[in-house]
N, C-alpha and C. Protein backbone atom coordinates (compact mmCIF):
# COMPACT_ATOMS: atom_id res chain seq x y z
N MET A 1 -95.20 -49.82 -15.55
CA MET A 1 -96.29 -50.64 -16.00
C MET A 1 -97.04 -51.13 -14.77
N ARG A 2 -98.36 -51.06 -14.85
CA ARG A 2 -99.19 -51.53 -13.76
C ARG A 2 -99.99 -52.72 -14.26
N ILE A 3 -100.00 -53.81 -13.50
CA ILE A 3 -100.77 -54.99 -13.85
C ILE A 3 -101.79 -55.21 -12.75
N ASN A 4 -103.05 -55.25 -13.12
CA ASN A 4 -104.14 -55.46 -12.18
C ASN A 4 -104.60 -56.90 -12.23
N GLU A 5 -104.86 -57.47 -11.07
CA GLU A 5 -105.41 -58.83 -11.04
C GLU A 5 -106.92 -58.75 -11.19
N ILE A 6 -107.45 -59.50 -12.13
CA ILE A 6 -108.88 -59.58 -12.37
C ILE A 6 -109.26 -61.05 -12.26
N ARG A 7 -110.04 -61.39 -11.31
CA ARG A 7 -110.33 -62.80 -11.06
C ARG A 7 -111.10 -63.49 -12.18
N ASP A 8 -112.02 -62.81 -12.82
CA ASP A 8 -112.83 -63.44 -13.86
C ASP A 8 -112.32 -63.16 -15.27
N PHE A 9 -111.10 -62.70 -15.40
CA PHE A 9 -110.53 -62.40 -16.71
C PHE A 9 -110.21 -63.71 -17.41
N ASP A 10 -110.60 -63.80 -18.65
CA ASP A 10 -110.41 -65.04 -19.37
C ASP A 10 -109.95 -64.74 -20.79
N GLY A 11 -109.21 -65.62 -21.35
CA GLY A 11 -108.76 -65.50 -22.72
C GLY A 11 -108.25 -66.85 -23.16
N PRO A 12 -108.10 -67.07 -24.44
CA PRO A 12 -107.62 -68.36 -24.91
C PRO A 12 -106.11 -68.51 -24.71
N PRO A 13 -105.65 -69.66 -24.23
CA PRO A 13 -104.21 -69.88 -24.07
C PRO A 13 -103.56 -70.25 -25.40
N VAL A 14 -102.27 -69.97 -25.48
CA VAL A 14 -101.48 -70.42 -26.63
C VAL A 14 -101.02 -71.84 -26.30
N ASP A 15 -101.55 -72.80 -27.06
CA ASP A 15 -101.27 -74.21 -26.80
C ASP A 15 -100.00 -74.71 -27.46
N GLY A 16 -99.58 -74.07 -28.57
CA GLY A 16 -98.40 -74.52 -29.28
C GLY A 16 -98.14 -73.64 -30.49
N TYR A 17 -97.03 -73.90 -31.14
CA TYR A 17 -96.66 -73.12 -32.32
C TYR A 17 -95.68 -73.94 -33.15
N GLY A 18 -95.54 -73.53 -34.39
CA GLY A 18 -94.59 -74.16 -35.30
C GLY A 18 -94.34 -73.21 -36.45
N PRO A 19 -93.64 -73.66 -37.47
CA PRO A 19 -93.33 -72.78 -38.60
C PRO A 19 -94.59 -72.22 -39.25
N GLY A 20 -94.85 -70.94 -39.03
CA GLY A 20 -95.95 -70.24 -39.68
C GLY A 20 -97.31 -70.39 -39.03
N PHE A 21 -97.41 -71.05 -37.87
CA PHE A 21 -98.73 -71.21 -37.25
C PHE A 21 -98.63 -71.16 -35.73
N PHE A 22 -99.81 -70.92 -35.12
CA PHE A 22 -99.98 -70.97 -33.68
C PHE A 22 -101.24 -71.78 -33.40
N ARG A 23 -101.23 -72.60 -32.35
CA ARG A 23 -102.44 -73.28 -31.88
C ARG A 23 -102.88 -72.55 -30.63
N ILE A 24 -104.06 -71.95 -30.70
CA ILE A 24 -104.57 -71.10 -29.64
C ILE A 24 -105.97 -71.57 -29.27
N GLY A 25 -106.14 -71.91 -28.00
CA GLY A 25 -107.43 -72.40 -27.56
C GLY A 25 -107.90 -73.62 -28.34
N GLY A 26 -106.95 -74.45 -28.78
CA GLY A 26 -107.27 -75.67 -29.50
C GLY A 26 -107.45 -75.50 -31.01
N GLU A 27 -107.36 -74.28 -31.52
CA GLU A 27 -107.53 -74.04 -32.96
C GLU A 27 -106.22 -73.56 -33.58
N VAL A 28 -105.96 -74.00 -34.81
CA VAL A 28 -104.74 -73.60 -35.51
C VAL A 28 -105.01 -72.30 -36.27
N HIS A 29 -104.09 -71.35 -36.12
CA HIS A 29 -104.15 -70.06 -36.82
C HIS A 29 -102.84 -69.88 -37.56
N ARG A 30 -102.93 -69.60 -38.85
CA ARG A 30 -101.74 -69.40 -39.67
C ARG A 30 -101.39 -67.93 -39.73
N GLY A 31 -100.10 -67.62 -39.73
CA GLY A 31 -99.65 -66.24 -39.82
C GLY A 31 -99.66 -65.53 -38.48
N ALA A 32 -99.51 -64.22 -38.55
CA ALA A 32 -99.47 -63.39 -37.34
C ALA A 32 -100.86 -63.25 -36.74
N VAL A 33 -100.94 -63.28 -35.40
CA VAL A 33 -102.22 -63.21 -34.70
C VAL A 33 -102.15 -62.27 -33.51
N LEU A 34 -103.32 -61.76 -33.14
CA LEU A 34 -103.50 -60.99 -31.91
C LEU A 34 -104.46 -61.77 -31.04
N VAL A 35 -104.04 -62.07 -29.81
CA VAL A 35 -104.86 -62.84 -28.88
C VAL A 35 -105.34 -61.90 -27.77
N LEU A 36 -106.65 -61.73 -27.73
CA LEU A 36 -107.31 -60.87 -26.75
C LEU A 36 -108.30 -61.70 -25.94
N PRO A 37 -108.84 -61.15 -24.86
CA PRO A 37 -109.85 -61.89 -24.10
C PRO A 37 -111.07 -62.25 -24.94
N THR A 38 -111.33 -61.47 -25.96
CA THR A 38 -112.48 -61.71 -26.83
C THR A 38 -112.20 -62.75 -27.90
N GLY A 39 -110.96 -63.18 -28.06
CA GLY A 39 -110.62 -64.19 -29.04
C GLY A 39 -109.38 -63.86 -29.83
N VAL A 40 -109.23 -64.53 -30.95
CA VAL A 40 -108.04 -64.43 -31.79
C VAL A 40 -108.42 -63.77 -33.11
N VAL A 41 -107.62 -62.79 -33.52
CA VAL A 41 -107.83 -62.15 -34.83
C VAL A 41 -106.50 -62.14 -35.58
N ALA A 42 -106.60 -62.14 -36.90
CA ALA A 42 -105.40 -62.02 -37.73
C ALA A 42 -104.79 -60.65 -37.51
N TRP A 43 -103.46 -60.61 -37.52
CA TRP A 43 -102.75 -59.35 -37.34
C TRP A 43 -101.82 -59.17 -38.53
N GLY A 44 -101.83 -57.98 -39.12
CA GLY A 44 -101.02 -57.70 -40.31
C GLY A 44 -99.59 -57.31 -40.01
N GLY A 45 -99.11 -57.55 -38.82
CA GLY A 45 -97.73 -57.20 -38.46
C GLY A 45 -97.61 -55.75 -38.02
N TYR A 46 -96.39 -55.26 -37.98
CA TYR A 46 -96.11 -53.94 -37.42
C TYR A 46 -96.86 -52.80 -38.11
N ASP A 47 -97.19 -52.97 -39.38
CA ASP A 47 -97.91 -51.91 -40.09
C ASP A 47 -99.40 -51.90 -39.77
N ASP A 48 -99.89 -52.89 -39.06
CA ASP A 48 -101.31 -53.01 -38.73
C ASP A 48 -101.57 -52.49 -37.32
N ARG A 49 -101.39 -51.21 -37.14
CA ARG A 49 -101.57 -50.57 -35.83
C ARG A 49 -103.03 -50.64 -35.37
N GLU A 50 -103.97 -50.52 -36.31
CA GLU A 50 -105.39 -50.48 -35.95
C GLU A 50 -105.83 -51.75 -35.22
N THR A 51 -105.35 -52.89 -35.67
CA THR A 51 -105.73 -54.14 -35.01
C THR A 51 -105.22 -54.17 -33.57
N LEU A 52 -103.99 -53.70 -33.36
CA LEU A 52 -103.45 -53.68 -32.00
C LEU A 52 -104.20 -52.70 -31.10
N MET A 53 -104.73 -51.64 -31.68
CA MET A 53 -105.46 -50.65 -30.89
C MET A 53 -106.74 -51.23 -30.29
N GLN A 54 -107.20 -52.39 -30.81
CA GLN A 54 -108.36 -53.06 -30.21
C GLN A 54 -108.09 -53.44 -28.75
N ALA A 55 -106.83 -53.61 -28.41
CA ALA A 55 -106.46 -54.03 -27.06
C ALA A 55 -106.54 -52.90 -26.04
N VAL A 56 -106.55 -51.67 -26.50
CA VAL A 56 -106.59 -50.52 -25.59
C VAL A 56 -107.87 -50.58 -24.77
N GLY A 57 -107.71 -50.46 -23.47
CA GLY A 57 -108.85 -50.50 -22.56
C GLY A 57 -109.20 -51.90 -22.08
N GLN A 58 -108.75 -52.92 -22.81
CA GLN A 58 -109.03 -54.31 -22.41
C GLN A 58 -107.90 -54.90 -21.58
N LEU A 59 -106.68 -54.37 -21.77
CA LEU A 59 -105.48 -54.98 -21.19
C LEU A 59 -104.64 -53.96 -20.43
N ASP A 60 -103.82 -54.49 -19.55
CA ASP A 60 -102.78 -53.66 -18.91
C ASP A 60 -101.49 -53.73 -19.70
N VAL A 61 -101.22 -54.90 -20.29
CA VAL A 61 -99.98 -55.07 -21.05
C VAL A 61 -100.23 -55.98 -22.24
N LEU A 62 -99.57 -55.64 -23.34
CA LEU A 62 -99.60 -56.44 -24.56
C LEU A 62 -98.19 -56.94 -24.81
N PHE A 63 -98.02 -58.25 -24.85
CA PHE A 63 -96.74 -58.84 -25.22
C PHE A 63 -96.70 -58.92 -26.74
N VAL A 64 -95.59 -58.52 -27.32
CA VAL A 64 -95.42 -58.58 -28.77
C VAL A 64 -94.32 -59.59 -29.07
N GLY A 65 -94.72 -60.69 -29.70
CA GLY A 65 -93.76 -61.72 -30.12
C GLY A 65 -93.20 -61.34 -31.46
N THR A 66 -91.88 -61.15 -31.52
CA THR A 66 -91.22 -60.61 -32.70
C THR A 66 -90.72 -61.68 -33.67
N GLY A 67 -91.22 -62.90 -33.54
CA GLY A 67 -90.78 -63.99 -34.41
C GLY A 67 -89.79 -64.89 -33.70
N ALA A 68 -88.90 -65.51 -34.46
CA ALA A 68 -87.94 -66.47 -33.90
C ALA A 68 -86.90 -65.81 -33.01
N GLU A 69 -86.58 -64.56 -33.29
CA GLU A 69 -85.56 -63.83 -32.53
C GLU A 69 -86.17 -62.58 -31.91
N ILE A 70 -85.61 -62.14 -30.82
CA ILE A 70 -86.06 -60.89 -30.21
C ILE A 70 -85.62 -59.72 -31.09
N ALA A 71 -86.49 -58.75 -31.22
CA ALA A 71 -86.20 -57.56 -32.02
C ALA A 71 -86.96 -56.38 -31.42
N HIS A 72 -86.51 -55.20 -31.75
CA HIS A 72 -87.24 -54.01 -31.33
C HIS A 72 -88.46 -53.84 -32.22
N ILE A 73 -89.57 -53.41 -31.62
CA ILE A 73 -90.72 -53.06 -32.44
C ILE A 73 -90.54 -51.62 -32.88
N PRO A 74 -91.16 -51.21 -33.98
CA PRO A 74 -90.99 -49.82 -34.44
C PRO A 74 -91.35 -48.83 -33.33
N SER A 75 -90.51 -47.84 -33.15
CA SER A 75 -90.71 -46.88 -32.05
C SER A 75 -92.03 -46.13 -32.18
N GLU A 76 -92.47 -45.85 -33.42
CA GLU A 76 -93.74 -45.14 -33.60
C GLU A 76 -94.91 -46.00 -33.11
N LEU A 77 -94.84 -47.30 -33.35
CA LEU A 77 -95.88 -48.21 -32.91
C LEU A 77 -95.90 -48.29 -31.39
N ARG A 78 -94.74 -48.47 -30.79
CA ARG A 78 -94.65 -48.52 -29.32
C ARG A 78 -95.20 -47.24 -28.71
N ARG A 79 -94.79 -46.10 -29.25
CA ARG A 79 -95.22 -44.82 -28.73
C ARG A 79 -96.74 -44.67 -28.81
N ALA A 80 -97.33 -45.04 -29.94
CA ALA A 80 -98.79 -44.91 -30.12
C ALA A 80 -99.54 -45.78 -29.11
N LEU A 81 -99.08 -47.00 -28.90
CA LEU A 81 -99.75 -47.90 -27.95
C LEU A 81 -99.60 -47.41 -26.52
N GLU A 82 -98.40 -46.97 -26.17
CA GLU A 82 -98.19 -46.49 -24.81
C GLU A 82 -98.94 -45.19 -24.54
N GLU A 83 -99.01 -44.30 -25.53
CA GLU A 83 -99.77 -43.07 -25.35
C GLU A 83 -101.26 -43.35 -25.20
N ALA A 84 -101.73 -44.46 -25.77
CA ALA A 84 -103.13 -44.85 -25.63
C ALA A 84 -103.39 -45.55 -24.29
N GLY A 85 -102.33 -45.77 -23.50
CA GLY A 85 -102.48 -46.36 -22.18
C GLY A 85 -102.22 -47.84 -22.09
N LEU A 86 -101.56 -48.40 -23.10
CA LEU A 86 -101.29 -49.83 -23.11
C LEU A 86 -99.80 -50.09 -22.93
N GLY A 87 -99.44 -50.87 -21.93
CA GLY A 87 -98.05 -51.26 -21.74
C GLY A 87 -97.66 -52.26 -22.82
N VAL A 88 -96.44 -52.17 -23.31
CA VAL A 88 -95.97 -53.03 -24.39
C VAL A 88 -94.63 -53.65 -23.99
N GLU A 89 -94.53 -54.97 -24.16
CA GLU A 89 -93.29 -55.70 -23.90
C GLU A 89 -92.96 -56.56 -25.11
N ALA A 90 -91.82 -56.32 -25.72
CA ALA A 90 -91.41 -57.10 -26.90
C ALA A 90 -90.44 -58.20 -26.50
N MET A 91 -90.60 -59.36 -27.10
CA MET A 91 -89.70 -60.50 -26.92
C MET A 91 -89.93 -61.45 -28.07
N ALA A 92 -89.10 -62.44 -28.23
CA ALA A 92 -89.32 -63.44 -29.27
C ALA A 92 -90.69 -64.09 -29.05
N SER A 93 -91.28 -64.64 -30.11
CA SER A 93 -92.65 -65.15 -30.01
C SER A 93 -92.82 -66.30 -29.01
N ALA A 94 -91.88 -67.22 -28.94
CA ALA A 94 -92.02 -68.34 -28.00
C ALA A 94 -92.07 -67.85 -26.55
N PRO A 95 -91.13 -67.03 -26.10
CA PRO A 95 -91.23 -66.53 -24.73
C PRO A 95 -92.45 -65.62 -24.51
N ALA A 96 -92.85 -64.89 -25.54
CA ALA A 96 -94.04 -64.04 -25.41
C ALA A 96 -95.27 -64.90 -25.15
N ALA A 97 -95.39 -66.02 -25.87
CA ALA A 97 -96.53 -66.92 -25.68
C ALA A 97 -96.50 -67.54 -24.28
N ARG A 98 -95.33 -67.95 -23.83
CA ARG A 98 -95.22 -68.56 -22.50
C ARG A 98 -95.55 -67.55 -21.41
N THR A 99 -95.01 -66.34 -21.53
CA THR A 99 -95.26 -65.30 -20.53
C THR A 99 -96.74 -64.94 -20.49
N TYR A 100 -97.35 -64.81 -21.67
CA TYR A 100 -98.78 -64.54 -21.76
C TYR A 100 -99.57 -65.63 -21.03
N ASN A 101 -99.24 -66.90 -21.29
CA ASN A 101 -99.96 -68.01 -20.65
C ASN A 101 -99.85 -67.98 -19.14
N VAL A 102 -98.66 -67.71 -18.62
CA VAL A 102 -98.47 -67.67 -17.18
C VAL A 102 -99.31 -66.56 -16.56
N LEU A 103 -99.22 -65.36 -17.12
CA LEU A 103 -99.98 -64.24 -16.54
C LEU A 103 -101.48 -64.42 -16.75
N LEU A 104 -101.88 -65.01 -17.85
CA LEU A 104 -103.29 -65.30 -18.08
C LEU A 104 -103.81 -66.27 -17.01
N SER A 105 -103.01 -67.28 -16.68
CA SER A 105 -103.42 -68.26 -15.66
C SER A 105 -103.54 -67.63 -14.28
N GLU A 106 -102.87 -66.50 -14.08
CA GLU A 106 -102.96 -65.77 -12.81
C GLU A 106 -104.11 -64.77 -12.81
N GLY A 107 -104.87 -64.72 -13.91
CA GLY A 107 -106.00 -63.81 -13.97
C GLY A 107 -105.62 -62.38 -14.33
N ARG A 108 -104.48 -62.20 -14.94
CA ARG A 108 -104.01 -60.85 -15.31
C ARG A 108 -104.65 -60.38 -16.61
N ARG A 109 -104.70 -59.07 -16.78
CA ARG A 109 -105.27 -58.45 -18.00
C ARG A 109 -104.17 -58.32 -19.05
N VAL A 110 -103.90 -59.42 -19.75
CA VAL A 110 -102.82 -59.46 -20.74
C VAL A 110 -103.34 -59.96 -22.08
N GLY A 111 -102.59 -59.61 -23.13
CA GLY A 111 -102.84 -60.11 -24.47
C GLY A 111 -101.49 -60.31 -25.14
N VAL A 112 -101.51 -60.91 -26.32
CA VAL A 112 -100.26 -61.16 -27.02
C VAL A 112 -100.48 -61.02 -28.53
N ALA A 113 -99.56 -60.35 -29.17
CA ALA A 113 -99.51 -60.23 -30.61
C ALA A 113 -98.29 -61.03 -31.06
N LEU A 114 -98.49 -61.99 -31.95
CA LEU A 114 -97.42 -62.91 -32.29
C LEU A 114 -97.12 -62.91 -33.79
N LEU A 115 -95.85 -62.69 -34.12
CA LEU A 115 -95.37 -62.91 -35.47
C LEU A 115 -94.90 -64.36 -35.56
N PRO A 116 -95.12 -65.05 -36.68
CA PRO A 116 -94.76 -66.45 -36.80
C PRO A 116 -93.26 -66.71 -36.61
N VAL A 117 -92.96 -67.91 -36.16
CA VAL A 117 -91.57 -68.34 -36.00
C VAL A 117 -91.13 -69.07 -37.25
């Protein structure tokens, strides 16, 4: 995986989360979400590959928050994203949000797809 530093890269931070919601850039979003430099969109979960494909070309890596516990993402989904040139890292949603925030603050080209906790 290659991560490029982009000085003017910007995206909304994940400010908090709770049962079934995320607070991103000061706004509450219910359910699963995809956070990109262009903003936040609803994500239909692992079966919603098309929404995740929006990240191709915008990011070096997409963190996938798998909910309250770490889990593997479907291999077909991982393969499709990686073949399109997007690095994918799966972890529980809380650490995915924290990791995204840290790399975002460093100006990295990152995004995060989060399943609710």
